[in-house]
Amino acid sequence: MNFTVNCSWPDNWYFENATPCGLLNSSSPVIPCCVAGDRCMTDNICSYSYSETGGSGYYTAGCTNGGFLNPLDGAVCSDRCGDTNAPDIVYNNDSGLWHCCGVDANNTLLCPTPTDETFKAAAPDKLIEYWSAGATTATTASSQATAAATATNSPPHAATSSSGVVEASSGLSTGAKAGIGVGVAVGVIIVLAMGIIFFLRGRRKSEQPAREETTIVPGEGNPLAGNPYVNPSELPGDQNHNVHELAG
């Protein structure tokens, strides 16, 4: 399916090098536009980093539908600064509002002293770049745009889904779980082995016969058992030894 691209701004302003901020398809037939090379930001704002006399670095985005022709496209594109002759805008930190800059008689931007036409959008430091104008293929920036749009349209204290909480607090990795499993298995094997060893030792002790111990009481049986140093051939010590000399 072919889609007509006619990037323009309110009151039919247009830039020759304007390009869509994304890829047109059946789901997104109308999307904002920025000048090629500039950054497509959330809240239908474009940003540039080059020097522009009287500029602020920001301007409101155009639209691919040729000038906001369809009222339903208001949910995608924003009709701003239509009567100020320029799409450039500047943020007022005091009021928290964006002002349309406007131009003087020489078409010089007047962002330092903007008009009274204002609108509400995120502050510059809260804007998120989701596309580089002029890109021809989708990038990770497109997913950032979806997330940014969700965050912008969500209440400040929106509840976090349960699935998001589970993912943020996921458990141990597969490797860690495997290591714990191996350690537990080894510990069980060691405990079983020690139990078997103690069981076998106890069984062997119960099967050995009890030793018979013999007690020797001195004085019983052998009358000399109580004094092993007595020689039975010796005469008693109290007998007299007489020596007789033979007659000669």
C-alpha atoms as a PDB file:
ATOM      1  CA  MET A   1       0.000   0.000   0.000  1.00  0.00           C
ATOM      2  CA  ASN A   2       1.319   3.419  -0.953  1.00  0.00           C
ATOM      3  CA  PHE A   3       0.998   6.389   1.385  1.00  0.00           C
ATOM      4  CA  THR A   4       1.053  10.015   0.295  1.00  0.00           C
ATOM      5  CA  VAL A   5       3.560  12.129   2.202  1.00  0.00           C
ATOM      6  CA  ASN A   6       2.960  15.873   2.251  1.00  0.00           C
ATOM      7  CA  CYS A   7       4.812  17.178   5.275  1.00  0.00           C
ATOM      8  CA  SER A   8       3.468  20.610   6.172  1.00  0.00           C
ATOM      9  CA  TRP A   9       2.637  22.871   9.091  1.00  0.00           C
ATOM     10  CA  PRO A  10      -0.477  24.917   9.929  1.00  0.00           C
ATOM     11  CA  ASP A  11      -1.500  27.487   7.300  1.00  0.00           C
ATOM     12  CA  ASN A  12       0.329  25.366   4.697  1.00  0.00           C
ATOM     13  CA  TRP A  13       3.866  26.190   5.807  1.00  0.00           C
ATOM     14  CA  TYR A  14       6.298  23.660   4.481  1.00  0.00           C
ATOM     15  CA  PHE A  15       9.998  22.901   4.232  1.00  0.00           C
ATOM     16  CA  GLU A  16      11.415  21.333   1.092  1.00  0.00           C
ATOM     17  CA  ASN A  17      13.568  18.886   3.086  1.00  0.00           C
ATOM     18  CA  ALA A  18      10.899  17.930   5.660  1.00  0.00           C
ATOM     19  CA  THR A  19      10.520  14.193   6.209  1.00  0.00           C
ATOM     20  CA  PRO A  20       8.335  11.869   8.334  1.00  0.00           C
ATOM     21  CA  CYS A  21       9.368  10.957  11.868  1.00  0.00           C
ATOM     22  CA  GLY A  22       9.087   7.240  11.260  1.00  0.00           C
ATOM     23  CA  LEU A  23       7.742   4.739   8.737  1.00  0.00           C
ATOM     24  CA  LEU A  24       4.250   5.045   7.299  1.00  0.00           C
ATOM     25  CA  ASN A  25       2.147   1.887   7.345  1.00  0.00           C
ATOM     26  CA  SER A  26      -1.474   0.784   7.718  1.00  0.00           C
ATOM     27  CA  SER A  27      -1.219   1.158  11.487  1.00  0.00           C
ATOM     28  CA  SER A  28       0.376   4.634  11.275  1.00  0.00           C
ATOM     29  CA  PRO A  29      -0.812   6.313   8.056  1.00  0.00           C
ATOM     30  CA  VAL A  30      -0.260   9.785   9.542  1.00  0.00           C
ATOM     31  CA  ILE A  31       2.774  10.757  11.636  1.00  0.00           C
ATOM     32  CA  PRO A  32       4.637  13.976  12.575  1.00  0.00           C
ATOM     33  CA  CYS A  33       7.358  15.528  10.386  1.00  0.00           C
ATOM     34  CA  CYS A  34      10.651  17.292  11.071  1.00  0.00           C
ATOM     35  CA  VAL A  35      13.323  18.747   8.805  1.00  0.00           C
ATOM     36  CA  ALA A  36      15.802  16.111   7.589  1.00  0.00           C
ATOM     37  CA  GLY A  37      18.736  15.838   9.961  1.00  0.00           C
ATOM     38  CA  ASP A  38      16.810  17.181  12.958  1.00  0.00           C
ATOM     39  CA  ARG A  39      15.645  15.067  15.902  1.00  0.00           C
ATOM     40  CA  CYS A  40      12.052  13.919  16.302  1.00  0.00           C
ATOM     41  CA  MET A  41      11.109  14.308  19.962  1.00  0.00           C
ATOM     42  CA  THR A  42       8.108  13.263  21.995  1.00  0.00           C
ATOM     43  CA  ASP A  43       5.100  15.614  22.358  1.00  0.00           C
ATOM     44  CA  ASN A  44       5.285  16.507  18.631  1.00  0.00           C
ATOM     45  CA  ILE A  45       8.388  18.649  18.999  1.00  0.00           C
ATOM     46  CA  CYS A  46      11.463  18.796  16.754  1.00  0.00           C
ATOM     47  CA  SER A  47      14.949  19.703  17.933  1.00  0.00           C
ATOM     48  CA  TYR A  48      18.054  21.007  16.150  1.00  0.00           C
ATOM     49  CA  SER A  49      21.586  21.768  17.291  1.00  0.00           C
ATOM     50  CA  TYR A  50      22.748  24.205  14.616  1.00  0.00           C
ATOM     51  CA  SER A  51      22.751  27.973  15.084  1.00  0.00           C
ATOM     52  CA  GLU A  52      19.619  29.887  14.093  1.00  0.00           C
ATOM     53  CA  THR A  53      19.367  33.637  14.695  1.00  0.00           C
ATOM     54  CA  GLY A  54      16.736  34.281  17.328  1.00  0.00           C
ATOM     55  CA  GLY A  55      15.970  30.571  17.585  1.00  0.00           C
ATOM     56  CA  SER A  56      15.758  28.276  20.605  1.00  0.00           C
ATOM     57  CA  GLY A  57      16.675  24.917  19.106  1.00  0.00           C
ATOM     58  CA  TYR A  58      13.056  23.693  19.109  1.00  0.00           C
ATOM     59  CA  TYR A  59      10.032  23.937  16.819  1.00  0.00           C
ATOM     60  CA  THR A  60       6.668  22.235  16.718  1.00  0.00           C
ATOM     61  CA  ALA A  61       6.432  19.239  14.385  1.00  0.00           C
ATOM     62  CA  GLY A  62       4.585  19.241  11.088  1.00  0.00           C
ATOM     63  CA  CYS A  63       2.300  16.462   9.839  1.00  0.00           C
ATOM     64  CA  THR A  64       2.310  14.071   6.878  1.00  0.00           C
ATOM     65  CA  ASN A  65      -1.403  14.588   6.073  1.00  0.00           C
ATOM     66  CA  GLY A  66      -0.873  17.882   4.211  1.00  0.00           C
ATOM     67  CA  GLY A  67      -1.847  20.484   6.758  1.00  0.00           C
ATOM     68  CA  PHE A  68      -3.904  18.767   9.476  1.00  0.00           C
ATOM     69  CA  LEU A  69      -6.796  18.156   7.081  1.00  0.00           C
ATOM     70  CA  ASN A  70      -8.397  15.346   9.064  1.00  0.00           C
ATOM     71  CA  PRO A  71      -9.712  16.299  12.533  1.00  0.00           C
ATOM     72  CA  LEU A  72      -9.001  12.773  13.747  1.00  0.00           C
ATOM     73  CA  ASP A  73      -5.297  13.370  13.110  1.00  0.00           C
ATOM     74  CA  GLY A  74      -5.240  15.692  16.097  1.00  0.00           C
ATOM     75  CA  ALA A  75      -4.401  12.658  18.227  1.00  0.00           C
ATOM     76  CA  VAL A  76      -1.174  12.247  16.230  1.00  0.00           C
ATOM     77  CA  CYS A  77      -0.192  15.735  15.077  1.00  0.00           C
ATOM     78  CA  SER A  78      -0.526  18.990  17.004  1.00  0.00           C
ATOM     79  CA  ASP A  79      -1.889  22.167  15.412  1.00  0.00           C
ATOM     80  CA  ARG A  80       0.239  24.878  17.041  1.00  0.00           C
ATOM     81  CA  CYS A  81       1.549  28.376  16.309  1.00  0.00           C
ATOM     82  CA  GLY A  82      -0.637  28.686  13.230  1.00  0.00           C
ATOM     83  CA  ASP A  83      -0.863  32.477  13.381  1.00  0.00           C
ATOM     84  CA  THR A  84       2.719  33.317  14.331  1.00  0.00           C
ATOM     85  CA  ASN A  85       4.263  32.719  10.888  1.00  0.00           C
ATOM     86  CA  ALA A  86       6.862  30.306  12.259  1.00  0.00           C
ATOM     87  CA  PRO A  87       6.795  26.904  13.990  1.00  0.00           C
ATOM     88  CA  ASP A  88       9.654  27.770  16.365  1.00  0.00           C
ATOM     89  CA  ILE A  89       8.920  27.523  20.088  1.00  0.00           C
ATOM     90  CA  VAL A  90      10.676  28.288  23.375  1.00  0.00           C
ATOM     91  CA  TYR A  91      10.116  26.922  26.887  1.00  0.00           C
ATOM     92  CA  ASN A  92       9.344  29.190  29.850  1.00  0.00           C
ATOM     93  CA  ASN A  93      10.772  27.698  33.031  1.00  0.00           C
ATOM     94  CA  ASP A  94       8.693  29.987  35.243  1.00  0.00           C
ATOM     95  CA  SER A  95       5.291  29.109  33.801  1.00  0.00           C
ATOM     96  CA  GLY A  96       6.165  25.589  32.648  1.00  0.00           C
ATOM     97  CA  LEU A  97       4.660  26.360  29.224  1.00  0.00           C
ATOM     98  CA  TRP A  98       5.968  26.531  25.676  1.00  0.00           C
ATOM     99  CA  HIS A  99       5.613  29.812  23.754  1.00  0.00           C
ATOM    100  CA  CYS A 100       5.356  30.271  20.006  1.00  0.00           C
ATOM    101  CA  CYS A 101       8.298  32.485  19.045  1.00  0.00           C
ATOM    102  CA  GLY A 102       6.930  34.448  16.101  1.00  0.00           C
ATOM    103  CA  VAL A 103       8.987  36.613  13.707  1.00  0.00           C
ATOM    104  CA  ASP A 104       9.599  40.304  13.114  1.00  0.00           C
ATOM    105  CA  ALA A 105       9.186  42.268   9.905  1.00  0.00           C
ATOM    106  CA  ASN A 106      12.442  40.773   8.578  1.00  0.00           C
ATOM    107  CA  ASN A 107      11.310  37.210   9.363  1.00  0.00           C
ATOM    108  CA  THR A 108      13.861  36.987  12.180  1.00  0.00           C
ATOM    109  CA  LEU A 109      12.819  34.657  14.938  1.00  0.00           C
ATOM    110  CA  LEU A 110      11.796  36.250  18.235  1.00  0.00           C
ATOM    111  CA  CYS A 111      12.305  33.373  20.670  1.00  0.00           C
ATOM    112  CA  PRO A 112      14.029  35.624  23.276  1.00  0.00           C
ATOM    113  CA  THR A 113      10.796  37.710  23.334  1.00  0.00           C
ATOM    114  CA  PRO A 114       8.115  35.235  22.222  1.00  0.00           C
ATOM    115  CA  THR A 115       4.408  35.698  21.605  1.00  0.00           C
ATOM    116  CA  ASP A 116       1.673  35.054  24.163  1.00  0.00           C
ATOM    117  CA  GLU A 117       0.475  31.937  22.354  1.00  0.00           C
ATOM    118  CA  THR A 118       1.345  28.996  24.599  1.00  0.00           C
ATOM    119  CA  PHE A 119       0.732  25.282  24.945  1.00  0.00           C
ATOM    120  CA  LYS A 120       1.584  22.649  27.522  1.00  0.00           C
ATOM    121  CA  ALA A 121       4.134  19.890  26.840  1.00  0.00           C
ATOM    122  CA  ALA A 122       7.069  18.240  28.557  1.00  0.00           C
ATOM    123  CA  ALA A 123      10.050  20.396  29.497  1.00  0.00           C
ATOM    124  CA  PRO A 124      13.120  20.172  27.223  1.00  0.00           C
ATOM    125  CA  ASP A 125      15.005  17.880  29.614  1.00  0.00           C
ATOM    126  CA  LYS A 126      12.025  15.512  29.704  1.00  0.00           C
ATOM    127  CA  LEU A 127      11.669  15.156  25.935  1.00  0.00           C
ATOM    128  CA  ILE A 128      12.889  11.905  24.384  1.00  0.00           C
ATOM    129  CA  GLU A 129      14.320  11.533  20.892  1.00  0.00           C
ATOM    130  CA  TYR A 130      12.623   8.641  19.091  1.00  0.00           C
ATOM    131  CA  TRP A 131      13.642   9.161  15.463  1.00  0.00           C
ATOM    132  CA  SER A 132      16.208  10.923  13.347  1.00  0.00           C
ATOM    133  CA  ALA A 133      14.408  12.777  10.584  1.00  0.00           C
ATOM    134  CA  GLY A 134      15.448  11.376   7.215  1.00  0.00           C
ATOM    135  CA  ALA A 135      16.048   7.823   8.427  1.00  0.00           C
ATOM    136  CA  THR A 136      14.732   5.127   6.083  1.00  0.00           C
ATOM    137  CA  THR A 137      14.747   2.117   8.378  1.00  0.00           C
ATOM    138  CA  ALA A 138      13.375   1.492  11.827  1.00  0.00           C
ATOM    139  CA  THR A 139      15.814   1.731  14.725  1.00  0.00           C
ATOM    140  CA  THR A 140      15.668   1.135  18.452  1.00  0.00           C
ATOM    141  CA  ALA A 141      14.518   4.723  18.686  1.00  0.00           C
ATOM    142  CA  SER A 142      11.048   3.623  17.535  1.00  0.00           C
ATOM    143  CA  SER A 143      10.660   1.439  20.619  1.00  0.00           C
ATOM    144  CA  GLN A 144      11.813   4.369  22.741  1.00  0.00           C
ATOM    145  CA  ALA A 145       9.026   6.428  21.216  1.00  0.00           C
ATOM    146  CA  THR A 146       6.420   3.871  22.258  1.00  0.00           C
ATOM    147  CA  ALA A 147       7.780   3.791  25.786  1.00  0.00           C
ATOM    148  CA  ALA A 148       7.939   7.569  25.924  1.00  0.00           C
ATOM    149  CA  ALA A 149       4.351   7.929  24.693  1.00  0.00           C
ATOM    150  CA  THR A 150       3.182   5.467  27.334  1.00  0.00           C
ATOM    151  CA  ALA A 151       5.066   7.319  30.061  1.00  0.00           C
ATOM    152  CA  THR A 152       3.664  10.681  28.889  1.00  0.00           C
ATOM    153  CA  ASN A 153       0.053   9.464  28.867  1.00  0.00           C
ATOM    154  CA  SER A 154       0.279   7.494  32.121  1.00  0.00           C
ATOM    155  CA  PRO A 155      -0.624   8.925  35.544  1.00  0.00           C
ATOM    156  CA  PRO A 156       2.410  10.092  37.587  1.00  0.00           C
ATOM    157  CA  HIS A 157       1.939   7.250  40.052  1.00  0.00           C
ATOM    158  CA  ALA A 158       0.761   4.501  37.693  1.00  0.00           C
ATOM    159  CA  ALA A 159       0.930   1.006  39.167  1.00  0.00           C
ATOM    160  CA  THR A 160       3.644  -1.289  37.855  1.00  0.00           C
ATOM    161  CA  SER A 161       2.400  -4.505  36.235  1.00  0.00           C
ATOM    162  CA  SER A 162       3.142  -7.727  37.998  1.00  0.00           C
ATOM    163  CA  SER A 163       5.064  -9.043  35.002  1.00  0.00           C
ATOM    164  CA  GLY A 164       7.389  -6.061  35.132  1.00  0.00           C
ATOM    165  CA  VAL A 165       8.103  -6.683  38.811  1.00  0.00           C
ATOM    166  CA  VAL A 166       8.874 -10.355  38.198  1.00  0.00           C
ATOM    167  CA  GLU A 167      11.262  -9.529  35.413  1.00  0.00           C
ATOM    168  CA  ALA A 168      13.064  -6.892  37.443  1.00  0.00           C
ATOM    169  CA  SER A 169      13.528  -9.246  40.365  1.00  0.00           C
ATOM    170  CA  SER A 170      14.341 -12.459  38.489  1.00  0.00           C
ATOM    171  CA  GLY A 171      16.061 -15.232  40.469  1.00  0.00           C
ATOM    172  CA  LEU A 172      19.405 -16.967  40.116  1.00  0.00           C
ATOM    173  CA  SER A 173      20.893 -17.663  36.723  1.00  0.00           C
ATOM    174  CA  THR A 174      20.832 -21.137  35.194  1.00  0.00           C
ATOM    175  CA  GLY A 175      24.540 -21.634  35.921  1.00  0.00           C
ATOM    176  CA  ALA A 176      24.116 -20.701  39.575  1.00  0.00           C
ATOM    177  CA  LYS A 177      21.184 -23.093  39.957  1.00  0.00           C
ATOM    178  CA  ALA A 178      23.189 -25.907  38.357  1.00  0.00           C
ATOM    179  CA  GLY A 179      26.120 -25.279  40.696  1.00  0.00           C
ATOM    180  CA  ILE A 180      23.858 -25.403  43.743  1.00  0.00           C
ATOM    181  CA  GLY A 181      22.305 -28.651  42.506  1.00  0.00           C
ATOM    182  CA  VAL A 182      25.712 -30.315  42.046  1.00  0.00           C
ATOM    183  CA  GLY A 183      26.860 -29.174  45.490  1.00  0.00           C
ATOM    184  CA  VAL A 184      23.759 -30.603  47.157  1.00  0.00           C
ATOM    185  CA  ALA A 185      24.149 -33.931  45.342  1.00  0.00           C
ATOM    186  CA  VAL A 186      27.809 -34.258  46.397  1.00  0.00           C
ATOM    187  CA  GLY A 187      26.894 -33.446  49.991  1.00  0.00           C
ATOM    188  CA  VAL A 188      24.223 -36.171  50.055  1.00  0.00           C
ATOM    189  CA  ILE A 189      26.670 -38.751  48.658  1.00  0.00           C
ATOM    190  CA  ILE A 190      29.271 -37.895  51.322  1.00  0.00           C
ATOM    191  CA  VAL A 191      26.725 -38.235  54.131  1.00  0.00           C
ATOM    192  CA  LEU A 192      25.515 -41.624  52.821  1.00  0.00           C
ATOM    193  CA  ALA A 193      29.105 -42.920  52.499  1.00  0.00           C
ATOM    194  CA  MET A 194      29.950 -41.934  56.079  1.00  0.00           C
ATOM    195  CA  GLY A 195      26.789 -43.630  57.338  1.00  0.00           C
ATOM    196  CA  ILE A 196      27.686 -46.897  55.556  1.00  0.00           C
ATOM    197  CA  ILE A 197      31.249 -46.853  56.982  1.00  0.00           C
ATOM    198  CA  PHE A 198      30.028 -46.409  60.562  1.00  0.00           C
ATOM    199  CA  PHE A 199      27.433 -49.154  60.100  1.00  0.00           C
ATOM    200  CA  LEU A 200      30.018 -51.696  58.857  1.00  0.00           C
ATOM    201  CA  ARG A 201      32.435 -50.910  61.693  1.00  0.00           C
ATOM    202  CA  GLY A 202      29.748 -51.477  64.285  1.00  0.00           C
ATOM    203  CA  ARG A 203      28.715 -54.748  62.696  1.00  0.00           C
ATOM    204  CA  ARG A 204      32.290 -56.117  62.698  1.00  0.00           C
ATOM    205  CA  LYS A 205      32.702 -55.362  66.415  1.00  0.00           C
ATOM    206  CA  SER A 206      29.486 -57.191  67.282  1.00  0.00           C
ATOM    207  CA  GLU A 207      30.614 -60.358  65.407  1.00  0.00           C
ATOM    208  CA  GLN A 208      34.032 -60.772  67.196  1.00  0.00           C
ATOM    209  CA  PRO A 209      33.998 -63.356  70.192  1.00  0.00           C
ATOM    210  CA  ALA A 210      34.717 -61.997  73.659  1.00  0.00           C
ATOM    211  CA  ARG A 211      38.218 -62.771  75.001  1.00  0.00           C
ATOM    212  CA  GLU A 212      38.505 -65.022  78.146  1.00  0.00           C
ATOM    213  CA  GLU A 213      40.707 -63.454  80.761  1.00  0.00           C
ATOM    214  CA  THR A 214      42.450 -65.687  83.326  1.00  0.00           C
ATOM    215  CA  THR A 215      43.361 -64.243  86.690  1.00  0.00           C
ATOM    216  CA  ILE A 216      46.288 -65.760  88.489  1.00  0.00           C
ATOM    217  CA  VAL A 217      45.968 -65.590  92.260  1.00  0.00           C
ATOM    218  CA  PRO A 218      49.289 -65.836  94.144  1.00  0.00           C
ATOM    219  CA  GLY A 219      49.556 -68.892  96.397  1.00  0.00           C
ATOM    220  CA  GLU A 220      47.110 -71.091  94.526  1.00  0.00           C
ATOM    221  CA  GLY A 221      48.218 -74.124  92.515  1.00  0.00           C
ATOM    222  CA  ASN A 222      52.005 -73.941  92.516  1.00  0.00           C
ATOM    223  CA  PRO A 223      53.126 -73.115  96.067  1.00  0.00           C
ATOM    224  CA  LEU A 224      56.038 -71.217  94.648  1.00  0.00           C
ATOM    225  CA  ALA A 225      53.936 -69.190  92.254  1.00  0.00           C
ATOM    226  CA  GLY A 226      53.942 -66.279  94.571  1.00  0.00           C
ATOM    227  CA  ASN A 227      57.803 -66.078  94.612  1.00  0.00           C
ATOM    228  CA  PRO A 228      59.359 -67.072  91.308  1.00  0.00           C
ATOM    229  CA  TYR A 229      62.910 -66.485  92.639  1.00  0.00           C
ATOM    230  CA  VAL A 230      62.900 -69.316  95.199  1.00  0.00           C
ATOM    231  CA  ASN A 231      64.970 -72.357  94.175  1.00  0.00           C
ATOM    232  CA  PRO A 232      63.324 -75.510  95.573  1.00  0.00           C
ATOM    233  CA  SER A 233      66.741 -77.319  95.799  1.00  0.00           C
ATOM    234  CA  GLU A 234      68.081 -74.892  98.296  1.00  0.00           C
ATOM    235  CA  LEU A 235      68.009 -75.891 101.912  1.00  0.00           C
ATOM    236  CA  PRO A 236      66.356 -73.739 104.449  1.00  0.00           C
ATOM    237  CA  GLY A 237      68.612 -70.975 105.633  1.00  0.00           C
ATOM    238  CA  ASP A 238      68.338 -71.760 109.354  1.00  0.00           C
ATOM    239  CA  GLN A 239      70.111 -75.207 109.160  1.00  0.00           C
ATOM    240  CA  ASN A 240      73.788 -75.568 110.314  1.00  0.00           C
ATOM    241  CA  HIS A 241      76.458 -76.600 107.811  1.00  0.00           C
ATOM    242  CA  ASN A 242      79.123 -78.759 109.605  1.00  0.00           C
ATOM    243  CA  VAL A 243      82.345 -79.551 107.798  1.00  0.00           C
ATOM    244  CA  HIS A 244      83.948 -82.866 108.834  1.00  0.00           C
ATOM    245  CA  GLU A 245      87.561 -83.627 108.160  1.00  0.00           C
ATOM    246  CA  LEU A 246      88.448 -87.227 107.270  1.00  0.00           C
ATOM    247  CA  ALA A 247      90.961 -89.057 109.477  1.00  0.00           C
ATOM    248  CA  GLY A 248      94.287 -89.347 108.005  1.00  0.00           C
END
